[in-house]
Protein backbone atom coordinates (compact mmCIF):
# COMPACT_ATOMS: atom_id res chain seq x y z
CA MET A 1 8.84 18.60 15.62
CA HIS A 2 10.23 18.16 11.96
CA VAL A 3 9.86 14.84 10.53
CA LEU A 4 11.71 14.06 7.39
CA ILE A 5 9.92 11.01 5.17
CA ILE A 6 12.06 9.29 2.42
CA HIS A 7 9.56 7.28 0.72
CA GLN A 8 9.95 6.42 -2.99
CA ALA A 9 6.37 4.71 -3.53
CA PHE A 10 4.58 7.72 -1.64
CA ALA A 11 1.20 8.73 -3.01
CA SER A 12 -0.94 11.63 -2.09
CA PHE A 13 -4.88 11.84 -2.63
CA ASP A 14 -4.14 13.07 -6.07
CA GLU A 15 -2.63 9.68 -7.29
CA PRO A 16 -3.25 6.01 -7.36
CA GLY A 17 -1.88 4.11 -4.68
CA GLY A 18 -1.96 3.72 -0.80
CA THR A 19 -1.78 7.00 0.90
CA ARG A 20 -1.02 5.53 4.61
CA HIS A 21 1.94 8.06 4.63
CA TYR A 22 0.10 11.15 3.38
CA GLU A 23 -2.88 10.69 5.78
CA LEU A 24 -0.17 9.85 8.70
CA ALA A 25 1.38 13.04 7.93
CA ARG A 26 -1.74 15.17 7.58
CA MET A 27 -2.32 14.43 11.22
CA LEU A 28 0.94 15.01 12.43
CA VAL A 29 0.68 18.53 11.12
CA LYS A 30 -2.69 18.84 12.58
CA HIS A 31 -1.08 18.32 15.95
CA GLY A 32 1.40 21.11 15.11
CA HIS A 33 4.21 19.11 13.91
CA ARG A 34 6.15 19.53 10.51
CA VAL A 35 6.47 17.26 7.94
CA THR A 36 8.77 16.80 4.67
CA ILE A 37 8.26 14.11 2.28
CA ILE A 38 10.99 13.29 -0.22
CA ALA A 39 9.09 11.02 -3.06
CA SER A 40 9.55 10.10 -6.48
CA PRO A 41 7.72 11.84 -9.09
CA VAL A 42 6.99 8.31 -10.91
CA SER A 43 3.82 6.66 -9.68
CA TYR A 44 4.71 3.19 -8.23
CA ILE A 45 1.36 1.90 -9.64
CA THR A 46 1.54 2.73 -13.12
CA GLY A 47 5.24 3.53 -13.61
CA GLU A 48 4.60 6.76 -15.47
CA ALA A 49 5.23 10.32 -13.85
CA SER A 50 2.51 10.89 -11.22
CA LEU A 51 2.80 14.94 -11.56
CA PRO A 52 3.28 16.94 -14.64
CA PRO A 53 5.95 19.55 -14.14
CA ARG A 54 4.08 22.91 -12.95
CA PRO A 55 4.66 25.94 -14.95
CA ALA A 56 6.82 27.72 -11.97
CA GLU A 57 8.49 24.47 -11.55
CA GLY A 58 9.14 23.44 -15.05
CA LEU A 59 11.57 20.70 -15.34
CA THR A 60 13.75 21.43 -12.24
CA ARG A 61 15.49 18.94 -9.94
CA SER A 62 12.56 18.34 -7.55
CA ARG A 63 8.96 19.33 -7.65
CA ARG A 64 6.67 20.29 -4.80
CA ALA A 65 3.12 19.84 -3.89
CA ASP A 66 2.48 22.19 -0.79
CA ALA A 67 -1.03 21.19 0.66
CA HIS A 68 -0.27 22.77 4.02
CA PRO A 69 2.57 25.36 5.09
CA ASN A 70 3.80 22.54 7.41
CA LEU A 71 3.54 19.67 4.89
CA ARG A 72 5.92 19.66 2.19
CA ILE A 73 6.34 16.90 -0.52
CA ARG A 74 9.58 17.07 -2.57
CA ARG A 75 9.57 15.00 -5.79
CA ALA A 76 13.34 13.59 -6.33
CA ARG A 77 14.87 12.75 -9.89
CA VAL A 78 14.67 9.24 -10.44
CA TYR A 79 15.38 6.72 -13.47
CA ALA A 80 11.77 6.14 -14.69
CA ALA A 81 11.42 2.66 -16.03
CA HIS A 82 10.92 0.63 -13.07
CA HIS A 83 8.10 -1.43 -15.07
CA ARG A 84 10.47 -2.62 -17.38
CA SER A 85 12.65 -5.32 -15.90
CA PHE A 86 14.33 -6.32 -12.64
CA VAL A 87 17.56 -4.38 -13.97
CA HIS A 88 15.46 -1.34 -14.61
CA ARG A 89 13.68 -1.56 -11.35
CA SER A 90 16.92 -1.58 -9.60
CA LEU A 91 18.41 1.46 -11.31
CA ALA A 92 15.14 3.18 -10.56
CA PHE A 93 15.56 2.20 -6.81
CA LEU A 94 19.34 3.15 -6.67
CA SER A 95 18.87 6.45 -8.61
CA PHE A 96 16.31 7.55 -5.81
CA MET A 97 18.63 6.39 -3.03
CA VAL A 98 20.90 9.10 -4.37
CA SER A 99 18.63 11.85 -5.23
CA ALA A 100 16.79 11.52 -2.22
CA PHE A 101 19.95 11.67 -0.18
CA MET A 102 21.03 14.80 -1.92
CA LEU A 103 17.25 16.66 -1.36
CA GLY A 104 17.56 15.32 2.38
CA LEU A 105 20.84 17.12 2.78
CA GLU A 106 19.02 20.44 2.23
CA GLU A 107 16.56 20.06 4.93
CA LYS A 108 17.21 22.02 8.40
CA ASP A 109 16.22 21.24 11.82
CA VAL A 110 15.22 17.81 11.22
CA ASP A 111 14.06 16.06 14.54
CA VAL A 112 13.19 12.55 13.00
CA VAL A 113 14.31 10.87 9.81
CA TRP A 114 11.52 8.51 8.96
CA GLY A 115 12.75 5.79 6.46
CA THR A 116 10.62 3.11 4.72
CA SER A 117 11.03 -0.16 2.81
CA PRO A 118 10.56 -1.43 0.22
CA PRO A 119 12.40 -0.65 -1.52
CA ILE A 120 15.03 -1.10 1.18
CA SER A 121 17.83 0.97 -0.79
CA GLN A 122 16.06 3.95 0.52
CA GLY A 123 16.86 3.03 4.28
CA LEU A 124 20.34 3.48 3.50
CA SER A 125 19.64 7.18 2.56
CA ALA A 126 17.44 7.51 5.96
CA TRP A 127 20.04 6.11 7.95
CA LEU A 128 22.95 8.25 6.31
CA LEU A 129 20.69 11.31 6.62
CA ALA A 130 19.79 10.57 10.23
CA ARG A 131 23.57 10.34 11.31
CA LEU A 132 24.40 13.23 9.59
CA LYS A 133 21.77 15.32 11.25
CA GLY A 134 22.18 13.82 14.71
CA ALA A 135 18.42 12.82 14.52
CA PRO A 136 17.03 9.36 15.40
CA LEU A 137 16.02 6.65 12.60
CA LEU A 138 12.48 5.30 12.60
CA PHE A 139 12.34 2.48 10.22
CA GLU A 140 9.42 1.30 8.87
CA VAL A 141 8.87 -2.25 7.26
CA ARG A 142 5.88 -2.22 4.95
CA ASP A 143 6.86 -5.54 3.27
CA LEU A 144 9.34 -8.30 4.40
CA TRP A 145 11.94 -7.40 1.67
CA PRO A 146 13.89 -9.40 0.44
CA LYS A 147 12.15 -12.64 1.87
CA PHE A 148 8.74 -11.63 -0.45
CA ALA A 149 11.09 -10.95 -3.59
CA VAL A 150 12.73 -14.23 -2.87
CA ALA A 151 9.38 -16.07 -2.36
CA VAL A 152 7.86 -14.87 -5.61
CA GLY A 153 10.87 -15.42 -7.70
CA VAL A 154 12.01 -11.82 -8.35
CA LEU A 155 15.16 -12.03 -6.64
CA ARG A 156 17.16 -15.05 -7.04
CA SER A 157 20.76 -14.25 -7.47
CA ARG A 158 22.39 -15.61 -4.22
CA LEU A 159 24.92 -13.26 -4.17
CA LEU A 160 22.19 -10.29 -4.35
CA ILE A 161 20.12 -12.28 -1.72
CA GLY A 162 23.06 -12.43 0.61
CA LEU A 163 23.70 -8.50 0.34
CA ALA A 164 20.05 -7.50 0.55
CA GLU A 165 19.44 -9.73 3.84
CA GLY A 166 22.73 -7.98 5.02
CA LEU A 167 21.45 -4.62 4.29
CA GLU A 168 18.43 -5.68 5.90
CA ARG A 169 19.94 -6.69 9.06
CA PHE A 170 22.26 -3.53 8.99
CA LEU A 171 19.13 -1.08 8.96
CA TYR A 172 17.13 -3.30 11.52
CA ARG A 173 20.25 -3.24 14.39
CA ARG A 174 20.68 0.36 13.69
CA ALA A 175 17.35 1.95 13.75
CA ASP A 176 16.28 3.68 16.99
CA ALA A 177 12.95 2.27 16.74
CA ILE A 178 11.02 0.29 13.55
CA ILE A 179 7.36 0.23 13.05
CA VAL A 180 5.56 -2.33 11.25
CA ASN A 181 2.13 -2.32 9.66
CA SER A 182 1.15 -6.01 10.35
CA PRO A 183 1.50 -8.14 13.52
CA GLY A 184 2.90 -10.91 11.38
CA PHE A 185 6.04 -8.96 10.60
CA ILE A 186 7.07 -8.56 14.20
CA GLN A 187 8.98 -12.17 14.85
CA HIS A 188 10.85 -11.87 11.51
CA VAL A 189 11.91 -8.27 12.12
CA SER A 190 12.82 -8.96 15.85
CA GLU A 191 14.86 -12.09 14.63
CA ARG A 192 16.80 -10.14 12.61
CA GLY A 193 18.21 -7.37 15.14
CA GLY A 194 15.15 -5.01 15.36
CA ARG A 195 15.23 -3.54 19.06
CA HIS A 196 12.33 -1.46 19.38
CA VAL A 197 9.56 -2.92 17.20
CA VAL A 198 5.92 -1.03 17.50
CA LEU A 199 2.98 -2.05 15.55
CA VAL A 200 1.37 0.78 13.42
CA PRO A 201 -1.23 -1.24 11.57
CA ASN A 202 -2.56 -0.72 8.21
CA GLY A 203 -6.22 1.05 8.48
CA ALA A 204 -8.09 3.75 6.76
CA ASP A 205 -9.95 6.84 7.78
CA PRO A 206 -13.54 6.07 7.78
CA ALA A 207 -14.49 9.66 7.27
CA MET A 208 -13.19 9.50 3.74
CA PHE A 209 -15.99 6.66 2.81
CA ASP A 210 -19.60 6.73 2.69
CA PRO A 211 -21.06 3.28 2.90
CA ASP A 212 -24.32 4.50 1.57
CA ARG A 213 -23.01 5.86 -1.82
CA ASP A 214 -24.35 3.94 -4.72
CA GLY A 215 -21.21 4.77 -7.33
CA GLN A 216 -23.71 5.17 -10.45
CA ARG A 217 -20.87 7.21 -12.19
CA PHE A 218 -18.46 4.71 -12.43
CA ARG A 219 -21.12 1.53 -12.95
CA ALA A 220 -22.21 3.63 -15.83
CA ARG A 221 -18.55 3.87 -16.94
CA TRP A 222 -18.20 0.11 -16.77
CA ASN A 223 -21.42 -0.38 -18.40
CA VAL A 224 -22.28 -3.00 -15.98
CA GLY A 225 -26.52 -2.52 -15.78
CA GLY A 226 -27.53 -4.11 -12.82
CA LYS A 227 -25.13 -6.88 -12.47
CA PHE A 228 -23.43 -7.84 -9.39
CA VAL A 229 -19.95 -6.07 -9.42
CA ALA A 230 -17.11 -7.74 -7.83
CA LEU A 231 -13.98 -5.17 -7.43
CA TYR A 232 -10.39 -5.69 -7.48
CA ALA A 233 -8.68 -2.45 -6.75
CA GLY A 234 -4.60 -2.48 -6.53
CA ALA A 235 -1.48 -3.40 -8.07
CA HIS A 236 -1.60 -5.96 -10.81
CA GLY A 237 1.71 -7.49 -10.33
CA MET A 238 3.30 -10.96 -10.02
CA SER A 239 2.25 -11.65 -6.23
CA ASN A 240 -1.53 -10.70 -6.76
CA ASP A 241 -2.62 -13.90 -8.59
CA LEU A 242 -4.91 -12.16 -10.73
CA GLU A 243 -4.72 -15.16 -13.25
CA ARG A 244 -6.81 -16.97 -10.64
CA LEU A 245 -9.28 -14.46 -10.52
CA LEU A 246 -9.74 -14.43 -14.22
CA GLN A 247 -10.29 -18.26 -13.92
CA ALA A 248 -13.06 -17.48 -11.58
CA ALA A 249 -14.43 -15.06 -14.04
CA SER A 250 -14.74 -18.08 -16.68
CA LEU A 251 -16.50 -20.09 -13.99
CA VAL A 252 -19.47 -17.58 -13.52
CA ALA A 253 -19.66 -16.55 -17.24
CA GLY A 254 -23.30 -16.19 -18.38
CA GLU A 255 -24.26 -15.58 -14.55
CA PRO A 256 -25.08 -11.63 -13.68
CA ILE A 257 -21.56 -11.16 -12.19
CA HIS A 258 -19.32 -8.76 -13.51
CA ILE A 259 -15.64 -8.39 -12.27
CA VAL A 260 -14.01 -5.03 -12.50
CA LEU A 261 -10.15 -4.88 -11.92
CA VAL A 262 -9.00 -1.04 -11.34
CA GLY A 263 -5.41 -0.36 -11.45
CA ASP A 264 -2.05 -1.10 -12.87
CA GLY A 265 1.24 -3.03 -13.22
CA LYS A 266 3.64 -4.81 -14.84
CA GLU A 267 1.47 -8.06 -15.52
CA LYS A 268 -1.46 -6.00 -16.53
CA PRO A 269 -1.00 -6.29 -20.65
CA ALA A 270 -0.63 -9.94 -20.18
CA LEU A 271 -3.83 -10.15 -18.07
CA VAL A 272 -5.79 -8.31 -20.81
CA LEU A 273 -4.46 -10.55 -23.69
CA GLU A 274 -5.54 -13.70 -21.17
CA ALA A 275 -9.00 -12.22 -20.82
CA ARG A 276 -9.32 -11.86 -24.35
CA ARG A 277 -8.16 -15.47 -25.15
CA LEU A 278 -10.75 -16.93 -22.66
CA GLY A 279 -13.60 -14.64 -24.21
CA LEU A 280 -14.44 -13.21 -20.77
CA SER A 281 -17.01 -10.44 -21.63
CA ASN A 282 -17.87 -10.51 -17.88
CA VAL A 283 -14.42 -8.55 -16.99
CA THR A 284 -13.22 -5.05 -17.11
CA PHE A 285 -9.98 -3.58 -16.95
CA ALA A 286 -10.30 -0.26 -15.74
CA GLU A 287 -7.57 2.35 -15.32
CA PRO A 288 -6.12 3.42 -11.92
CA VAL A 289 -7.68 6.28 -10.35
CA ALA A 290 -6.51 8.87 -7.56
CA LYS A 291 -7.03 7.90 -3.94
CA ARG A 292 -9.78 10.78 -3.64
CA GLU A 293 -12.01 8.93 -6.34
CA MET A 294 -11.53 5.67 -4.58
CA PRO A 295 -14.78 6.09 -2.31
CA GLU A 296 -16.96 6.32 -5.30
CA VAL A 297 -15.20 3.44 -7.11
CA LEU A 298 -15.84 1.05 -4.20
CA ALA A 299 -19.37 2.26 -3.67
CA ALA A 300 -19.91 0.87 -7.27
CA ALA A 301 -19.20 -2.52 -5.84
CA GLY A 302 -21.31 -5.27 -4.36
CA ALA A 303 -18.19 -6.81 -3.16
CA CYS A 304 -14.35 -6.33 -3.19
CA ILE A 305 -11.67 -8.97 -3.65
CA ALA A 306 -8.26 -9.29 -1.97
CA ILE A 307 -5.98 -11.70 -3.39
CA LEU A 308 -2.70 -13.16 -3.50
CA ARG A 309 -0.59 -15.91 -4.52
CA PRO A 310 -0.76 -19.20 -2.15
CA LEU A 311 2.68 -18.67 -0.57
CA PRO A 312 3.16 -18.81 3.21
CA GLU A 313 5.08 -15.79 3.27
CA TYR A 314 1.71 -13.90 2.57
CA ARG A 315 0.10 -15.18 5.72
CA THR A 316 2.04 -12.17 7.27
CA THR A 317 0.32 -9.28 5.55
CA TYR A 318 -2.09 -6.75 6.42
CA PRO A 319 -3.02 -5.31 2.59
CA ASN A 320 -4.18 -1.87 2.68
CA LYS A 321 -7.04 -2.81 0.30
CA VAL A 322 -8.86 -4.86 2.75
CA PHE A 323 -9.06 -1.87 5.10
CA ASP A 324 -10.49 0.38 2.49
CA TYR A 325 -13.04 -2.27 1.52
CA MET A 326 -14.30 -2.29 5.08
CA ALA A 327 -14.05 1.42 5.39
CA ALA A 328 -16.41 1.73 2.33
CA GLY A 329 -19.08 -0.75 3.96
CA ARG A 330 -18.50 -3.44 1.36
CA PRO A 331 -17.99 -7.22 2.04
CA VAL A 332 -14.69 -8.67 1.29
CA VAL A 333 -13.91 -11.77 -0.86
CA LEU A 334 -10.59 -12.93 0.67
CA ALA A 335 -8.20 -15.10 -1.02
CA ILE A 336 -5.15 -14.58 1.41
CA GLU A 337 -4.45 -16.87 4.69
CA GLY A 338 -2.63 -15.96 7.97
CA VAL A 339 -3.26 -12.67 9.92
CA ILE A 340 -5.53 -10.62 7.48
CA ARG A 341 -8.19 -13.67 7.45
CA GLU A 342 -8.28 -13.53 11.38
CA VAL A 343 -9.48 -9.83 10.70
CA VAL A 344 -12.02 -10.48 8.31
CA GLU A 345 -13.34 -13.82 10.50
CA ARG A 346 -13.52 -11.76 13.76
CA ALA A 347 -15.04 -8.76 11.99
CA GLN A 348 -17.52 -11.16 10.09
CA CYS A 349 -17.09 -8.75 7.18
CA GLY A 350 -16.51 -10.99 3.98
CA VAL A 351 -16.08 -14.65 2.75
CA CYS A 352 -12.84 -16.23 2.92
CA VAL A 353 -11.53 -18.62 0.50
CA GLU A 354 -8.46 -21.00 0.05
CA PRO A 355 -5.77 -19.03 -1.90
CA GLY A 356 -5.32 -20.51 -5.36
CA ASN A 357 -8.48 -22.01 -5.70
CA ALA A 358 -10.36 -20.60 -8.43
CA ALA A 359 -13.46 -22.53 -8.15
CA ALA A 360 -13.80 -21.59 -4.52
CA LEU A 361 -13.57 -17.85 -5.46
CA ALA A 362 -16.05 -18.21 -8.05
CA ASP A 363 -18.65 -19.84 -5.27
CA ALA A 364 -18.03 -16.87 -2.80
CA LEU A 365 -18.87 -14.39 -5.71
CA ARG A 366 -22.03 -16.57 -6.30
CA GLU A 367 -22.76 -16.82 -2.78
CA LEU A 368 -22.80 -12.85 -1.90
CA ALA A 369 -24.31 -12.14 -5.44
CA ARG A 370 -27.36 -14.61 -4.61
CA ASP A 371 -27.95 -12.92 -1.14
CA PRO A 372 -27.35 -8.89 -1.31
CA VAL A 373 -28.90 -8.67 2.14
CA ARG A 374 -26.07 -10.71 3.79
CA ALA A 375 -23.75 -9.12 1.71
CA ARG A 376 -24.78 -5.52 2.85
CA ARG A 377 -24.47 -7.04 6.38
CA MET A 378 -21.22 -8.00 6.14
CA GLY A 379 -20.23 -4.37 4.68
CA ARG A 380 -21.72 -2.95 8.14
CA ASN A 381 -19.65 -5.40 10.05
CA GLY A 382 -16.52 -4.29 8.53
CA ARG A 383 -17.30 -0.89 8.63
CA ARG A 384 -17.96 -0.97 12.54
CA TYR A 385 -14.96 -3.18 12.98
CA LEU A 386 -12.54 -0.95 11.31
CA GLU A 387 -13.87 2.09 13.35
CA LYS A 388 -13.48 0.62 16.24
CA HIS A 389 -10.00 -1.34 15.70
CA PHE A 390 -8.20 0.14 12.51
CA SER A 391 -9.02 3.82 12.18
CA ARG A 392 -6.12 5.91 10.88
CA GLU A 393 -6.56 8.35 13.65
CA ALA A 394 -5.61 5.52 15.99
CA GLY A 395 -2.67 4.38 14.40
CA ALA A 396 -1.65 8.14 14.17
CA ALA A 397 -1.73 8.75 18.06
CA THR A 398 0.72 5.79 18.47
CA LEU A 399 2.96 7.03 15.84
CA ARG A 400 2.69 10.45 17.61
CA ASN A 401 3.72 8.89 21.01
CA LEU A 402 6.46 6.98 19.20
CA LEU A 403 7.89 10.00 17.61
CA LYS A 404 7.60 12.09 20.74
CA ASP A 405 9.64 9.33 22.66
CA LEU A 406 12.39 9.38 19.96
CA VAL A 407 12.87 12.95 20.15
CA THR A 408 12.75 13.19 23.94
CA ARG A 409 15.42 10.51 24.15
CA ASN A 410 17.55 11.89 21.56
CA ARG A 411 17.59 15.16 23.18
CA ARG A 412 18.33 13.84 26.79
CA PRO A 413 22.02 14.69 27.75
CA SER A 414 24.30 11.70 27.93
CA SER A 415 25.42 11.04 31.19
């Protein structure tokens, strides 16, 4: 089976960002399938070129990173300015939609086209390629777009909202199957025309993480001494409510707690300025790291933070970072309501606080810093729960069965 994935925000282990699709692709290849991924050469986290041109490739139309003979990653040309403004971001999405489609036309013997959203524009490329190649379309919903964009205030034009919602319904109705990464998305997708909706939840590969690592290299780099490190790893965007985390940092100033924010995003420069204005010597902004370094980064933490703005729409999400935290055996400080809170509470792997409440967040950090034995117990609980319920291998098995079913139905002669 040859699976073609269209994914602008794709990241491999050598890049910062979530590697769900790289991990799933590797597991498909492990079971004898062939996977081609068409991705952007620009990091969705940093907005910069994620892979420098290789001497043999030069500044060619696409760049390839062949990790396995049956796993090819093709980098399409894009307008590289998606961190600057909504207009520039839109141009980056549209440029990828066109260039990914052109590269996709070159692929032969495709059995399934797998499109993913956001950005939803690339879903249109996936649909066109699927139809031209006579292959089924597997459409993946990673975020509820445009619903989240409207909620956070990024998308305000009634015309653009209407067009985006129309495209959303168009793709849901024409997909041969839809996968979602959170159970909170199923109702939304089904109500808008999704016919065959399958949950392949976010998770993590426990083999990537060693809960017994101490992360001394990164602790030394951050110069945190013997302090309790509370780590946030991920995007620094409008949705992440990191201003609230800085407020919590000001409330624990003078205590043996140090907050480290690893990552990048459009809001990072403003956050750095705000931390300086508040005089926060207990906050370190660290550069994003490749996924293969994340196990040691998380090992340097006493607790890990997941936070989103207090919007009802975010009650539906399964953030990737929470599962990485659990796999690393670190307790979670969760400032998100909804389905992910249910996971943390069932696993007994962290402290849940009200989103938007800096004082409650500061109290949670104090609670774990003062009781390291309890913190370690929570971390072990999370690791065990992830191994049982959210391992990447289990998600890959569900995906393989779905792909096999799609290909079998597509090859079956019509009566």
